[in-house]
Amino acid sequence: MAKYRASRLAETIKIEVSKIIRENLKDPRLGFVTVTAVEVSDDLRYAKIYVSILGKEEDIRNSMEVLTGATGYFRSELGKILRLRYTPEISFKYDQSIEHGAHISKLLREVSVKGDFSDGEDSQE
């Protein structure tokens, strides 16, 4: 039952943090940030928020600095919204899965355009 509650809380935190980033944070260093996932500990005391950031390495670094610098703000805003005894401690983690998926898709498109699939089929016969 605790896992179910943690997953519900994680989804609520994901929605609310996305809304806070979109509507309340006005820092010009903040790039295009997407909250991809949230992991909440079983005791509901800690939350890891995974974010994907579109842009160059410098944009990613600046956006992560803004987010980690604003963890207190996020925690206080979540405390106002969530009805919990303890508001979870928040940490932001950079999620590279979207970039990785885009890179793999690009490689697959390049391979299919070159026609390398037909070469591999002939060698197996």
PDB file of N, CA and C in Angstrom:
ATOM      1  N   MET A   1       0.819  -1.189   0.000  1.00  0.00           N
ATOM      2  CA  MET A   1       0.000   0.000   0.000  1.00  0.00           C
ATOM      3  C   MET A   1       0.864   1.255   0.000  1.00  0.00           C
ATOM      4  N   ALA A   2       2.027   1.186   0.638  1.00  0.00           N
ATOM      5  CA  ALA A   2       2.906   2.350   0.676  1.00  0.00           C
ATOM      6  C   ALA A   2       3.419   2.688  -0.714  1.00  0.00           C
ATOM      7  N   LYS A   3       3.668   1.662  -1.538  1.00  0.00           N
ATOM      8  CA  LYS A   3       4.144   1.906  -2.911  1.00  0.00           C
ATOM      9  C   LYS A   3       3.084   2.651  -3.718  1.00  0.00           C
ATOM     10  N   TYR A   4       1.821   2.294  -3.526  1.00  0.00           N
ATOM     11  CA  TYR A   4       0.747   2.951  -4.237  1.00  0.00           C
ATOM     12  C   TYR A   4       0.674   4.418  -3.834  1.00  0.00           C
ATOM     13  N   ARG A   5       0.788   4.690  -2.571  1.00  0.00           N
ATOM     14  CA  ARG A   5       0.738   6.075  -2.092  1.00  0.00           C
ATOM     15  C   ARG A   5       1.941   6.863  -2.611  1.00  0.00           C
ATOM     16  N   ALA A   6       3.110   6.246  -2.605  1.00  0.00           N
ATOM     17  CA  ALA A   6       4.316   6.913  -3.111  1.00  0.00           C
ATOM     18  C   ALA A   6       4.185   7.218  -4.597  1.00  0.00           C
ATOM     19  N   SER A   7       3.617   6.315  -5.361  1.00  0.00           N
ATOM     20  CA  SER A   7       3.466   6.565  -6.792  1.00  0.00           C
ATOM     21  C   SER A   7       2.433   7.659  -7.059  1.00  0.00           C
ATOM     22  N   ARG A   8       1.365   7.699  -6.263  1.00  0.00           N
ATOM     23  CA  ARG A   8       0.384   8.792  -6.415  1.00  0.00           C
ATOM     24  C   ARG A   8       1.007  10.132  -6.068  1.00  0.00           C
ATOM     25  N   LEU A   9       1.789  10.158  -4.988  1.00  0.00           N
ATOM     26  CA  LEU A   9       2.460  11.393  -4.589  1.00  0.00           C
ATOM     27  C   LEU A   9       3.471  11.820  -5.653  1.00  0.00           C
ATOM     28  N   ALA A  10       4.188  10.863  -6.223  1.00  0.00           N
ATOM     29  CA  ALA A  10       5.173  11.175  -7.267  1.00  0.00           C
ATOM     30  C   ALA A  10       4.489  11.825  -8.471  1.00  0.00           C
ATOM     31  N   GLU A  11       3.359  11.300  -8.861  1.00  0.00           N
ATOM     32  CA  GLU A  11       2.642  11.875 -10.002  1.00  0.00           C
ATOM     33  C   GLU A  11       2.132  13.284  -9.677  1.00  0.00           C
ATOM     34  N   THR A  12       1.649  13.487  -8.469  1.00  0.00           N
ATOM     35  CA  THR A  12       1.194  14.821  -8.061  1.00  0.00           C
ATOM     36  C   THR A  12       2.356  15.807  -8.035  1.00  0.00           C
ATOM     37  N   ILE A  13       3.491  15.385  -7.508  1.00  0.00           N
ATOM     38  CA  ILE A  13       4.671  16.254  -7.474  1.00  0.00           C
ATOM     39  C   ILE A  13       5.113  16.595  -8.887  1.00  0.00           C
ATOM     40  N   LYS A  14       5.087  15.626  -9.785  1.00  0.00           N
ATOM     41  CA  LYS A  14       5.476  15.862 -11.179  1.00  0.00           C
ATOM     42  C   LYS A  14       4.597  16.941 -11.808  1.00  0.00           C
ATOM     43  N   ILE A  15       3.297  16.850 -11.612  1.00  0.00           N
ATOM     44  CA  ILE A  15       2.368  17.828 -12.178  1.00  0.00           C
ATOM     45  C   ILE A  15       2.589  19.204 -11.568  1.00  0.00           C
ATOM     46  N   GLU A  16       2.718  19.265 -10.248  1.00  0.00           N
ATOM     47  CA  GLU A  16       2.838  20.555  -9.567  1.00  0.00           C
ATOM     48  C   GLU A  16       4.179  21.234  -9.842  1.00  0.00           C
ATOM     49  N   VAL A  17       5.264  20.461  -9.886  1.00  0.00           N
ATOM     50  CA  VAL A  17       6.577  21.053 -10.183  1.00  0.00           C
ATOM     51  C   VAL A  17       6.597  21.565 -11.622  1.00  0.00           C
ATOM     52  N   SER A  18       5.995  20.829 -12.537  1.00  0.00           N
ATOM     53  CA  SER A  18       5.901  21.300 -13.919  1.00  0.00           C
ATOM     54  C   SER A  18       5.144  22.625 -13.981  1.00  0.00           C
ATOM     55  N   LYS A  19       4.073  22.713 -13.230  1.00  0.00           N
ATOM     56  CA  LYS A  19       3.280  23.941 -13.213  1.00  0.00           C
ATOM     57  C   LYS A  19       4.074  25.096 -12.603  1.00  0.00           C
ATOM     58  N   ILE A  20       4.814  24.829 -11.538  1.00  0.00           N
ATOM     59  CA  ILE A  20       5.631  25.871 -10.896  1.00  0.00           C
ATOM     60  C   ILE A  20       6.708  26.362 -11.855  1.00  0.00           C
ATOM     61  N   ILE A  21       7.369  25.443 -12.549  1.00  0.00           N
ATOM     62  CA  ILE A  21       8.410  25.831 -13.513  1.00  0.00           C
ATOM     63  C   ILE A  21       7.809  26.685 -14.621  1.00  0.00           C
ATOM     64  N   ARG A  22       6.671  26.262 -15.118  1.00  0.00           N
ATOM     65  CA  ARG A  22       6.044  26.954 -16.242  1.00  0.00           C
ATOM     66  C   ARG A  22       5.499  28.330 -15.861  1.00  0.00           C
ATOM     67  N   GLU A  23       4.893  28.443 -14.688  1.00  0.00           N
ATOM     68  CA  GLU A  23       4.176  29.671 -14.347  1.00  0.00           C
ATOM     69  C   GLU A  23       4.911  30.604 -13.390  1.00  0.00           C
ATOM     70  N   ASN A  24       5.723  30.080 -12.477  1.00  0.00           N
ATOM     71  CA  ASN A  24       6.262  30.916 -11.402  1.00  0.00           C
ATOM     72  C   ASN A  24       7.731  31.274 -11.536  1.00  0.00           C
ATOM     73  N   LEU A  25       8.540  30.406 -12.136  1.00  0.00           N
ATOM     74  CA  LEU A  25       9.965  30.704 -12.244  1.00  0.00           C
ATOM     75  C   LEU A  25      10.207  31.649 -13.418  1.00  0.00           C
ATOM     76  N   LYS A  26      10.823  32.764 -13.142  1.00  0.00           N
ATOM     77  CA  LYS A  26      11.054  33.778 -14.176  1.00  0.00           C
ATOM     78  C   LYS A  26      12.537  34.036 -14.412  1.00  0.00           C
ATOM     79  N   ASP A  27      13.392  33.110 -14.040  1.00  0.00           N
ATOM     80  CA  ASP A  27      14.829  33.282 -14.206  1.00  0.00           C
ATOM     81  C   ASP A  27      15.199  33.166 -15.686  1.00  0.00           C
ATOM     82  N   PRO A  28      15.901  34.142 -16.248  1.00  0.00           N
ATOM     83  CA  PRO A  28      16.244  34.079 -17.674  1.00  0.00           C
ATOM     84  C   PRO A  28      17.239  32.970 -18.020  1.00  0.00           C
ATOM     85  N   ARG A  29      17.954  32.442 -17.027  1.00  0.00           N
ATOM     86  CA  ARG A  29      18.907  31.354 -17.290  1.00  0.00           C
ATOM     87  C   ARG A  29      18.209  30.025 -17.482  1.00  0.00           C
ATOM     88  N   LEU A  30      16.950  29.943 -17.106  1.00  0.00           N
ATOM     89  CA  LEU A  30      16.204  28.695 -17.191  1.00  0.00           C
ATOM     90  C   LEU A  30      15.816  28.423 -18.631  1.00  0.00           C
ATOM     91  N   GLY A  31      16.235  27.274 -19.140  1.00  0.00           N
ATOM     92  CA  GLY A  31      15.932  26.896 -20.515  1.00  0.00           C
ATOM     93  C   GLY A  31      14.614  26.153 -20.607  1.00  0.00           C
ATOM     94  N   PHE A  32      14.491  25.363 -21.668  1.00  0.00           N
ATOM     95  CA  PHE A  32      13.286  24.566 -21.886  1.00  0.00           C
ATOM     96  C   PHE A  32      13.408  23.288 -21.056  1.00  0.00           C
ATOM     97  N   VAL A  33      12.699  23.253 -19.922  1.00  0.00           N
ATOM     98  CA  VAL A  33      12.810  22.167 -18.955  1.00  0.00           C
ATOM     99  C   VAL A  33      11.528  21.343 -18.971  1.00  0.00           C
ATOM    100  N   THR A  34      11.692  20.022 -18.991  1.00  0.00           N
ATOM    101  CA  THR A  34      10.568  19.102 -18.916  1.00  0.00           C
ATOM    102  C   THR A  34      10.796  18.155 -17.750  1.00  0.00           C
ATOM    103  N   VAL A  35       9.808  18.015 -16.893  1.00  0.00           N
ATOM    104  CA  VAL A  35       9.889  17.044 -15.800  1.00  0.00           C
ATOM    105  C   VAL A  35       9.505  15.693 -16.385  1.00  0.00           C
ATOM    106  N   THR A  36      10.464  14.755 -16.382  1.00  0.00           N
ATOM    107  CA  THR A  36      10.222  13.450 -17.004  1.00  0.00           C
ATOM    108  C   THR A  36       9.733  12.410 -16.011  1.00  0.00           C
ATOM    109  N   ALA A  37      10.206  12.461 -14.771  1.00  0.00           N
ATOM    110  CA  ALA A  37       9.806  11.458 -13.786  1.00  0.00           C
ATOM    111  C   ALA A  37      10.084  11.984 -12.384  1.00  0.00           C
ATOM    112  N   VAL A  38       9.414  11.376 -11.422  1.00  0.00           N
ATOM    113  CA  VAL A  38       9.651  11.674 -10.014  1.00  0.00           C
ATOM    114  C   VAL A  38       9.677  10.356  -9.267  1.00  0.00           C
ATOM    115  N   GLU A  39      10.686  10.182  -8.428  1.00  0.00           N
ATOM    116  CA  GLU A  39      10.771   9.007  -7.550  1.00  0.00           C
ATOM    117  C   GLU A  39      10.636   9.489  -6.118  1.00  0.00           C
ATOM    118  N   VAL A  40       9.712   8.896  -5.387  1.00  0.00           N
ATOM    119  CA  VAL A  40       9.503   9.249  -3.990  1.00  0.00           C
ATOM    120  C   VAL A  40       9.871   8.042  -3.148  1.00  0.00           C
ATOM    121  N   SER A  41      10.595   8.272  -2.048  1.00  0.00           N
ATOM    122  CA  SER A  41      10.974   7.170  -1.160  1.00  0.00           C
ATOM    123  C   SER A  41       9.724   6.599  -0.497  1.00  0.00           C
ATOM    124  N   ASP A  42       9.854   5.377   0.020  1.00  0.00           N
ATOM    125  CA  ASP A  42       8.705   4.707   0.639  1.00  0.00           C
ATOM    126  C   ASP A  42       8.160   5.465   1.843  1.00  0.00           C
ATOM    127  N   ASP A  43       9.045   6.160   2.561  1.00  0.00           N
ATOM    128  CA  ASP A  43       8.580   6.912   3.731  1.00  0.00           C
ATOM    129  C   ASP A  43       8.112   8.328   3.374  1.00  0.00           C
ATOM    130  N   LEU A  44       8.090   8.647   2.095  1.00  0.00           N
ATOM    131  CA  LEU A  44       7.594   9.930   1.557  1.00  0.00           C
ATOM    132  C   LEU A  44       8.407  11.130   2.024  1.00  0.00           C
ATOM    133  N   ARG A  45       9.647  10.919   2.410  1.00  0.00           N
ATOM    134  CA  ARG A  45      10.483  12.014   2.910  1.00  0.00           C
ATOM    135  C   ARG A  45      11.402  12.601   1.852  1.00  0.00           C
ATOM    136  N   TYR A  46      11.686  11.851   0.791  1.00  0.00           N
ATOM    137  CA  TYR A  46      12.633  12.303  -0.227  1.00  0.00           C
ATOM    138  C   TYR A  46      12.020  12.120  -1.612  1.00  0.00           C
ATOM    139  N   ALA A  47      12.274  13.090  -2.466  1.00  0.00           N
ATOM    140  CA  ALA A  47      11.790  13.007  -3.840  1.00  0.00           C
ATOM    141  C   ALA A  47      12.918  13.391  -4.793  1.00  0.00           C
ATOM    142  N   LYS A  48      13.174  12.523  -5.768  1.00  0.00           N
ATOM    143  CA  LYS A  48      14.123  12.825  -6.837  1.00  0.00           C
ATOM    144  C   LYS A  48      13.299  13.219  -8.048  1.00  0.00           C
ATOM    145  N   ILE A  49      13.558  14.415  -8.555  1.00  0.00           N
ATOM    146  CA  ILE A  49      12.828  14.917  -9.708  1.00  0.00           C
ATOM    147  C   ILE A  49      13.775  14.886 -10.901  1.00  0.00           C
ATOM    148  N   TYR A  50      13.418  14.086 -11.908  1.00  0.00           N
ATOM    149  CA  TYR A  50      14.240  13.946 -13.106  1.00  0.00           C
ATOM    150  C   TYR A  50      13.737  14.923 -14.162  1.00  0.00           C
ATOM    151  N   VAL A  51      14.668  15.718 -14.696  1.00  0.00           N
ATOM    152  CA  VAL A  51      14.307  16.728 -15.685  1.00  0.00           C
ATOM    153  C   VAL A  51      15.132  16.537 -16.947  1.00  0.00           C
ATOM    154  N   SER A  52      14.504  16.823 -18.071  1.00  0.00           N
ATOM    155  CA  SER A  52      15.181  16.840 -19.359  1.00  0.00           C
ATOM    156  C   SER A  52      15.231  18.293 -19.799  1.00  0.00           C
ATOM    157  N   ILE A  53      16.389  18.711 -20.297  1.00  0.00           N
ATOM    158  CA  ILE A  53      16.586  20.109 -20.676  1.00  0.00           C
ATOM    159  C   ILE A  53      17.046  20.154 -22.118  1.00  0.00           C
ATOM    160  N   LEU A  54      16.350  20.948 -22.909  1.00  0.00           N
ATOM    161  CA  LEU A  54      16.679  21.095 -24.317  1.00  0.00           C
ATOM    162  C   LEU A  54      17.696  22.212 -24.470  1.00  0.00           C
ATOM    163  N   GLY A  55      18.762  21.954 -25.194  1.00  0.00           N
ATOM    164  CA  GLY A  55      19.753  22.993 -25.438  1.00  0.00           C
ATOM    165  C   GLY A  55      21.167  22.462 -25.385  1.00  0.00           C
ATOM    166  N   LYS A  56      22.095  23.400 -25.410  1.00  0.00           N
ATOM    167  CA  LYS A  56      23.514  23.067 -25.367  1.00  0.00           C
ATOM    168  C   LYS A  56      23.936  22.744 -23.947  1.00  0.00           C
ATOM    169  N   GLU A  57      25.182  22.317 -23.809  1.00  0.00           N
ATOM    170  CA  GLU A  57      25.727  21.941 -22.501  1.00  0.00           C
ATOM    171  C   GLU A  57      25.656  23.107 -21.513  1.00  0.00           C
ATOM    172  N   GLU A  58      25.935  24.308 -21.976  1.00  0.00           N
ATOM    173  CA  GLU A  58      25.888  25.485 -21.101  1.00  0.00           C
ATOM    174  C   GLU A  58      24.461  25.780 -20.639  1.00  0.00           C
ATOM    175  N   ASP A  59      23.493  25.621 -21.534  1.00  0.00           N
ATOM    176  CA  ASP A  59      22.083  25.819 -21.172  1.00  0.00           C
ATOM    177  C   ASP A  59      21.649  24.808 -20.121  1.00  0.00           C
ATOM    178  N   ILE A  60      22.105  23.579 -20.288  1.00  0.00           N
ATOM    179  CA  ILE A  60      21.764  22.521 -19.336  1.00  0.00           C
ATOM    180  C   ILE A  60      22.356  22.841 -17.968  1.00  0.00           C
ATOM    181  N   ARG A  61      23.627  23.249 -17.953  1.00  0.00           N
ATOM    182  CA  ARG A  61      24.283  23.577 -16.686  1.00  0.00           C
ATOM    183  C   ARG A  61      23.580  24.749 -15.990  1.00  0.00           C
ATOM    184  N   ASN A  62      23.258  25.808 -16.756  1.00  0.00           N
ATOM    185  CA  ASN A  62      22.579  26.969 -16.174  1.00  0.00           C
ATOM    186  C   ASN A  62      21.199  26.607 -15.632  1.00  0.00           C
ATOM    187  N   SER A  63      20.458  25.810 -16.379  1.00  0.00           N
ATOM    188  CA  SER A  63      19.124  25.416 -15.935  1.00  0.00           C
ATOM    189  C   SER A  63      19.194  24.554 -14.672  1.00  0.00           C
ATOM    190  N   MET A  64      20.176  23.661 -14.612  1.00  0.00           N
ATOM    191  CA  MET A  64      20.322  22.834 -13.405  1.00  0.00           C
ATOM    192  C   MET A  64      20.702  23.684 -12.201  1.00  0.00           C
ATOM    193  N   GLU A  65      21.537  24.713 -12.406  1.00  0.00           N
ATOM    194  CA  GLU A  65      21.879  25.622 -11.310  1.00  0.00           C
ATOM    195  C   GLU A  65      20.647  26.355 -10.807  1.00  0.00           C
ATOM    196  N   VAL A  66      19.801  26.807 -11.712  1.00  0.00           N
ATOM    197  CA  VAL A  66      18.575  27.495 -11.320  1.00  0.00           C
ATOM    198  C   VAL A  66      17.672  26.561 -10.524  1.00  0.00           C
ATOM    199  N   LEU A  67      17.495  25.342 -11.017  1.00  0.00           N
ATOM    200  CA  LEU A  67      16.599  24.398 -10.348  1.00  0.00           C
ATOM    201  C   LEU A  67      17.120  23.997  -8.964  1.00  0.00           C
ATOM    202  N   THR A  68      18.417  23.696  -8.876  1.00  0.00           N
ATOM    203  CA  THR A  68      18.958  23.309  -7.568  1.00  0.00           C
ATOM    204  C   THR A  68      18.970  24.487  -6.607  1.00  0.00           C
ATOM    205  N   GLY A  69      19.146  25.685  -7.125  1.00  0.00           N
ATOM    206  CA  GLY A  69      19.099  26.866  -6.270  1.00  0.00           C
ATOM    207  C   GLY A  69      17.704  27.175  -5.764  1.00  0.00           C
ATOM    208  N   ALA A  70      16.701  26.703  -6.482  1.00  0.00           N
ATOM    209  CA  ALA A  70      15.316  26.989  -6.114  1.00  0.00           C
ATOM    210  C   ALA A  70      14.634  25.817  -5.415  1.00  0.00           C
ATOM    211  N   THR A  71      15.403  24.850  -4.913  1.00  0.00           N
ATOM    212  CA  THR A  71      14.778  23.690  -4.264  1.00  0.00           C
ATOM    213  C   THR A  71      13.967  24.105  -3.038  1.00  0.00           C
ATOM    214  N   GLY A  72      14.445  25.079  -2.302  1.00  0.00           N
ATOM    215  CA  GLY A  72      13.691  25.565  -1.145  1.00  0.00           C
ATOM    216  C   GLY A  72      12.363  26.170  -1.553  1.00  0.00           C
ATOM    217  N   TYR A  73      12.377  26.913  -2.644  1.00  0.00           N
ATOM    218  CA  TYR A  73      11.145  27.510  -3.160  1.00  0.00           C
ATOM    219  C   TYR A  73      10.172  26.415  -3.593  1.00  0.00           C
ATOM    220  N   PHE A  74      10.680  25.417  -4.330  1.00  0.00           N
ATOM    221  CA  PHE A  74       9.821  24.314  -4.761  1.00  0.00           C
ATOM    222  C   PHE A  74       9.235  23.582  -3.561  1.00  0.00           C
ATOM    223  N   ARG A  75      10.055  23.356  -2.554  1.00  0.00           N
ATOM    224  CA  ARG A  75       9.590  22.625  -1.382  1.00  0.00           C
ATOM    225  C   ARG A  75       8.515  23.414  -0.640  1.00  0.00           C
ATOM    226  N   SER A  76       8.705  24.732  -0.511  1.00  0.00           N
ATOM    227  CA  SER A  76       7.694  25.525   0.191  1.00  0.00           C
ATOM    228  C   SER A  76       6.392  25.584  -0.605  1.00  0.00           C
ATOM    229  N   GLU A  77       6.484  25.690  -1.928  1.00  0.00           N
ATOM    230  CA  GLU A  77       5.273  25.703  -2.750  1.00  0.00           C
ATOM    231  C   GLU A  77       4.552  24.349  -2.686  1.00  0.00           C
ATOM    232  N   LEU A  78       5.320  23.260  -2.715  1.00  0.00           N
ATOM    233  CA  LEU A  78       4.700  21.938  -2.593  1.00  0.00           C
ATOM    234  C   LEU A  78       4.069  21.756  -1.223  1.00  0.00           C
ATOM    235  N   GLY A  79       4.693  22.324  -0.194  1.00  0.00           N
ATOM    236  CA  GLY A  79       4.134  22.238   1.152  1.00  0.00           C
ATOM    237  C   GLY A  79       2.782  22.914   1.251  1.00  0.00           C
ATOM    238  N   LYS A  80       2.576  23.975   0.486  1.00  0.00           N
ATOM    239  CA  LYS A  80       1.283  24.666   0.480  1.00  0.00           C
ATOM    240  C   LYS A  80       0.212  23.850  -0.247  1.00  0.00           C
ATOM    241  N   ILE A  81       0.637  23.082  -1.246  1.00  0.00           N
ATOM    242  CA  ILE A  81      -0.306  22.336  -2.079  1.00  0.00           C
ATOM    243  C   ILE A  81      -0.629  20.965  -1.491  1.00  0.00           C
ATOM    244  N   LEU A  82       0.406  20.249  -1.070  1.00  0.00           N
ATOM    245  CA  LEU A  82       0.241  18.874  -0.583  1.00  0.00           C
ATOM    246  C   LEU A  82      -0.203  18.866   0.877  1.00  0.00           C
ATOM    247  N   ARG A  83      -1.008  17.922   1.198  1.00  0.00           N
ATOM    248  CA  ARG A  83      -1.445  17.781   2.592  1.00  0.00           C
ATOM    249  C   ARG A  83      -0.711  16.591   3.215  1.00  0.00           C
ATOM    250  N   LEU A  84       0.519  16.855   3.614  1.00  0.00           N
ATOM    251  CA  LEU A  84       1.356  15.823   4.214  1.00  0.00           C
ATOM    252  C   LEU A  84       1.921  16.323   5.532  1.00  0.00           C
ATOM    253  N   ARG A  85       2.270  15.407   6.386  1.00  0.00           N
ATOM    254  CA  ARG A  85       2.908  15.792   7.646  1.00  0.00           C
ATOM    255  C   ARG A  85       4.281  16.393   7.368  1.00  0.00           C
ATOM    256  N   TYR A  86       5.024  15.777   6.453  1.00  0.00           N
ATOM    257  CA  TYR A  86       6.350  16.258   6.084  1.00  0.00           C
ATOM    258  C   TYR A  86       6.411  16.472   4.576  1.00  0.00           C
ATOM    259  N   THR A  87       6.862  17.637   4.183  1.00  0.00           N
ATOM    260  CA  THR A  87       7.080  17.886   2.760  1.00  0.00           C
ATOM    261  C   THR A  87       8.391  17.223   2.360  1.00  0.00           C
ATOM    262  N   PRO A  88       8.398  16.473   1.265  1.00  0.00           N
ATOM    263  CA  PRO A  88       9.615  15.740   0.891  1.00  0.00           C
ATOM    264  C   PRO A  88      10.795  16.667   0.589  1.00  0.00           C
ATOM    265  N   GLU A  89      11.996  16.190   0.931  1.00  0.00           N
ATOM    266  CA  GLU A  89      13.231  16.856   0.517  1.00  0.00           C
ATOM    267  C   GLU A  89      13.372  16.611  -0.984  1.00  0.00           C
ATOM    268  N   ILE A  90      13.695  17.656  -1.721  1.00  0.00           N
ATOM    269  CA  ILE A  90      13.717  17.568  -3.172  1.00  0.00           C
ATOM    270  C   ILE A  90      15.154  17.610  -3.682  1.00  0.00           C
ATOM    271  N   SER A  91      15.432  16.785  -4.673  1.00  0.00           N
ATOM    272  CA  SER A  91      16.691  16.885  -5.404  1.00  0.00           C
ATOM    273  C   SER A  91      16.380  16.727  -6.892  1.00  0.00           C
ATOM    274  N   PHE A  92      17.045  17.540  -7.696  1.00  0.00           N
ATOM    275  CA  PHE A  92      16.860  17.500  -9.142  1.00  0.00           C
ATOM    276  C   PHE A  92      17.983  16.701  -9.765  1.00  0.00           C
ATOM    277  N   LYS A  93      17.627  15.831 -10.707  1.00  0.00           N
ATOM    278  CA  LYS A  93      18.585  15.004 -11.435  1.00  0.00           C
ATOM    279  C   LYS A  93      18.362  15.210 -12.925  1.00  0.00           C
ATOM    280  N   TYR A  94      19.456  15.321 -13.657  1.00  0.00           N
ATOM    281  CA  TYR A  94      19.364  15.488 -15.105  1.00  0.00           C
ATOM    282  C   TYR A  94      19.093  14.145 -15.761  1.00  0.00           C
ATOM    283  N   ASP A  95      18.079  14.086 -16.604  1.00  0.00           N
ATOM    284  CA  ASP A  95      17.666  12.861 -17.272  1.00  0.00           C
ATOM    285  C   ASP A  95      18.068  12.927 -18.741  1.00  0.00           C
ATOM    286  N   GLN A  96      18.947  12.030 -19.156  1.00  0.00           N
ATOM    287  CA  GLN A  96      19.444  12.019 -20.526  1.00  0.00           C
ATOM    288  C   GLN A  96      18.686  11.058 -21.427  1.00  0.00           C
ATOM    289  N   SER A  97      17.638  10.444 -20.938  1.00  0.00           N
ATOM    290  CA  SER A  97      16.961   9.400 -21.710  1.00  0.00           C
ATOM    291  C   SER A  97      16.345   9.929 -23.005  1.00  0.00           C
ATOM    292  N   ILE A  98      15.811  11.139 -22.996  1.00  0.00           N
ATOM    293  CA  ILE A  98      15.217  11.683 -24.220  1.00  0.00           C
ATOM    294  C   ILE A  98      16.299  11.946 -25.262  1.00  0.00           C
ATOM    295  N   GLU A  99      17.425  12.522 -24.834  1.00  0.00           N
ATOM    296  CA  GLU A  99      18.544  12.746 -25.750  1.00  0.00           C
ATOM    297  C   GLU A  99      19.059  11.426 -26.313  1.00  0.00           C
ATOM    298  N   HIS A 100      19.157  10.441 -25.454  1.00  0.00           N
ATOM    299  CA  HIS A 100      19.652   9.128 -25.864  1.00  0.00           C
ATOM    300  C   HIS A 100      18.710   8.509 -26.892  1.00  0.00           C
ATOM    301  N   GLY A 101      17.414   8.596 -26.643  1.00  0.00           N
ATOM    302  CA  GLY A 101      16.426   8.069 -27.584  1.00  0.00           C
ATOM    303  C   GLY A 101      16.478   8.790 -28.918  1.00  0.00           C
ATOM    304  N   ALA A 102      16.645  10.100 -28.897  1.00  0.00           N
ATOM    305  CA  ALA A 102      16.734  10.874 -30.140  1.00  0.00           C
ATOM    306  C   ALA A 102      17.985  10.486 -30.923  1.00  0.00           C
ATOM    307  N   HIS A 103      19.089  10.254 -30.213  1.00  0.00           N
ATOM    308  CA  HIS A 103      20.333   9.850 -30.864  1.00  0.00           C
ATOM    309  C   HIS A 103      20.174   8.485 -31.530  1.00  0.00           C
ATOM    310  N   ILE A 104      19.538   7.550 -30.851  1.00  0.00           N
ATOM    311  CA  ILE A 104      19.329   6.214 -31.411  1.00  0.00           C
ATOM    312  C   ILE A 104      18.406   6.286 -32.629  1.00  0.00           C
ATOM    313  N   SER A 105      17.360   7.120 -32.549  1.00  0.00           N
ATOM    314  CA  SER A 105      16.463   7.285 -33.695  1.00  0.00           C
ATOM    315  C   SER A 105      17.212   7.857 -34.896  1.00  0.00           C
ATOM    316  N   LYS A 106      18.095   8.801 -34.635  1.00  0.00           N
ATOM    317  CA  LYS A 106      18.895   9.394 -35.716  1.00  0.00           C
ATOM    318  C   LYS A 106      19.790   8.336 -36.359  1.00  0.00           C
ATOM    319  N   LEU A 107      20.432   7.518 -35.532  1.00  0.00           N
ATOM    320  CA  LEU A 107      21.296   6.463 -36.068  1.00  0.00           C
ATOM    321  C   LEU A 107      20.501   5.456 -36.886  1.00  0.00           C
ATOM    322  N   LEU A 108      19.309   5.087 -36.409  1.00  0.00           N
ATOM    323  CA  LEU A 108      18.482   4.144 -37.154  1.00  0.00           C
ATOM    324  C   LEU A 108      18.022   4.724 -38.485  1.00  0.00           C
ATOM    325  N   ARG A 109      17.699   6.013 -38.500  1.00  0.00           N
ATOM    326  CA  ARG A 109      17.319   6.658 -39.762  1.00  0.00           C
ATOM    327  C   ARG A 109      18.488   6.660 -40.738  1.00  0.00           C
ATOM    328  N   GLU A 110      19.699   6.948 -40.242  1.00  0.00           N
ATOM    329  CA  GLU A 110      20.877   6.958 -41.106  1.00  0.00           C
ATOM    330  C   GLU A 110      21.130   5.575 -41.694  1.00  0.00           C
ATOM    331  N   VAL A 111      20.978   4.553 -40.879  1.00  0.00           N
ATOM    332  CA  VAL A 111      21.213   3.191 -41.354  1.00  0.00           C
ATOM    333  C   VAL A 111      20.172   2.807 -42.390  1.00  0.00           C
ATOM    334  N   SER A 112      18.912   3.149 -42.167  1.00  0.00           N
ATOM    335  CA  SER A 112      17.868   2.771 -43.120  1.00  0.00           C
ATOM    336  C   SER A 112      18.005   3.535 -44.428  1.00  0.00           C
ATOM    337  N   VAL A 113      18.498   4.762 -44.395  1.00  0.00           N
ATOM    338  CA  VAL A 113      18.702   5.534 -45.619  1.00  0.00           C
ATOM    339  C   VAL A 113      19.841   4.943 -46.440  1.00  0.00           C
ATOM    340  N   LYS A 114      20.885   4.498 -45.796  1.00  0.00           N
ATOM    341  CA  LYS A 114      22.034   3.926 -46.511  1.00  0.00           C
ATOM    342  C   LYS A 114      21.728   2.549 -47.074  1.00  0.00           C
ATOM    343  N   GLY A 115      20.689   1.901 -46.548  1.00  0.00           N
ATOM    344  CA  GLY A 115      20.325   0.579 -47.056  1.00  0.00           C
ATOM    345  C   GLY A 115      21.203  -0.524 -46.510  1.00  0.00           C
ATOM    346  N   ASP A 116      21.740  -0.339 -45.325  1.00  0.00           N
ATOM    347  CA  ASP A 116      22.630  -1.337 -44.739  1.00  0.00           C
ATOM    348  C   ASP A 116      21.882  -2.582 -44.291  1.00  0.00           C
ATOM    349  N   PHE A 117      20.574  -2.541 -44.207  1.00  0.00           N
ATOM    350  CA  PHE A 117      19.826  -3.713 -43.765  1.00  0.00           C
ATOM    351  C   PHE A 117      19.907  -4.845 -44.783  1.00  0.00           C
ATOM    352  N   SER A 118      19.935  -4.545 -46.064  1.00  0.00           N
ATOM    353  CA  SER A 118      19.960  -5.584 -47.097  1.00  0.00           C
ATOM    354  C   SER A 118      21.281  -6.356 -47.090  1.00  0.00           C
ATOM    355  N   ASP A 119      22.388  -5.706 -46.757  1.00  0.00           N
ATOM    356  CA  ASP A 119      23.700  -6.372 -46.698  1.00  0.00           C
ATOM    357  C   ASP A 119      23.706  -7.457 -45.637  1.00  0.00           C
ATOM    358  N   GLY A 120      23.119  -7.199 -44.484  1.00  0.00           N
ATOM    359  CA  GLY A 120      23.120  -8.153 -43.388  1.00  0.00           C
ATOM    360  C   GLY A 120      22.258  -9.353 -43.669  1.00  0.00           C
ATOM    361  N   GLU A 121      21.205  -9.198 -44.474  1.00  0.00           N
ATOM    362  CA  GLU A 121      20.307 -10.315 -44.761  1.00  0.00           C
ATOM    363  C   GLU A 121      20.950 -11.315 -45.711  1.00  0.00           C
ATOM    364  N   ASP A 122      21.737 -10.847 -46.685  1.00  0.00           N
ATOM    365  CA  ASP A 122      22.352 -11.726 -47.663  1.00  0.00           C
ATOM    366  C   ASP A 122      23.407 -12.627 -47.010  1.00  0.00           C
ATOM    367  N   SER A 123      24.086 -12.161 -45.996  1.00  0.00           N
ATOM    368  CA  SER A 123      25.159 -12.943 -45.389  1.00  0.00           C
ATOM    369  C   SER A 123      24.610 -14.090 -44.538  1.00  0.00           C
ATOM    370  N   GLN A 124      23.349 -14.051 -44.161  1.00  0.00           N
ATOM    371  CA  GLN A 124      22.802 -15.104 -43.315  1.00  0.00           C
ATOM    372  C   GLN A 124      22.303 -16.299 -44.130  1.00  0.00           C
ATOM    373  N   GLU A 125      22.098 -16.143 -45.431  1.00  0.00           N
ATOM    374  CA  GLU A 125      21.549 -17.239 -46.253  1.00  0.00           C
ATOM    375  C   GLU A 125      22.539 -18.283 -46.572  1.00  0.00           C
TER     376      GLU A 125
END
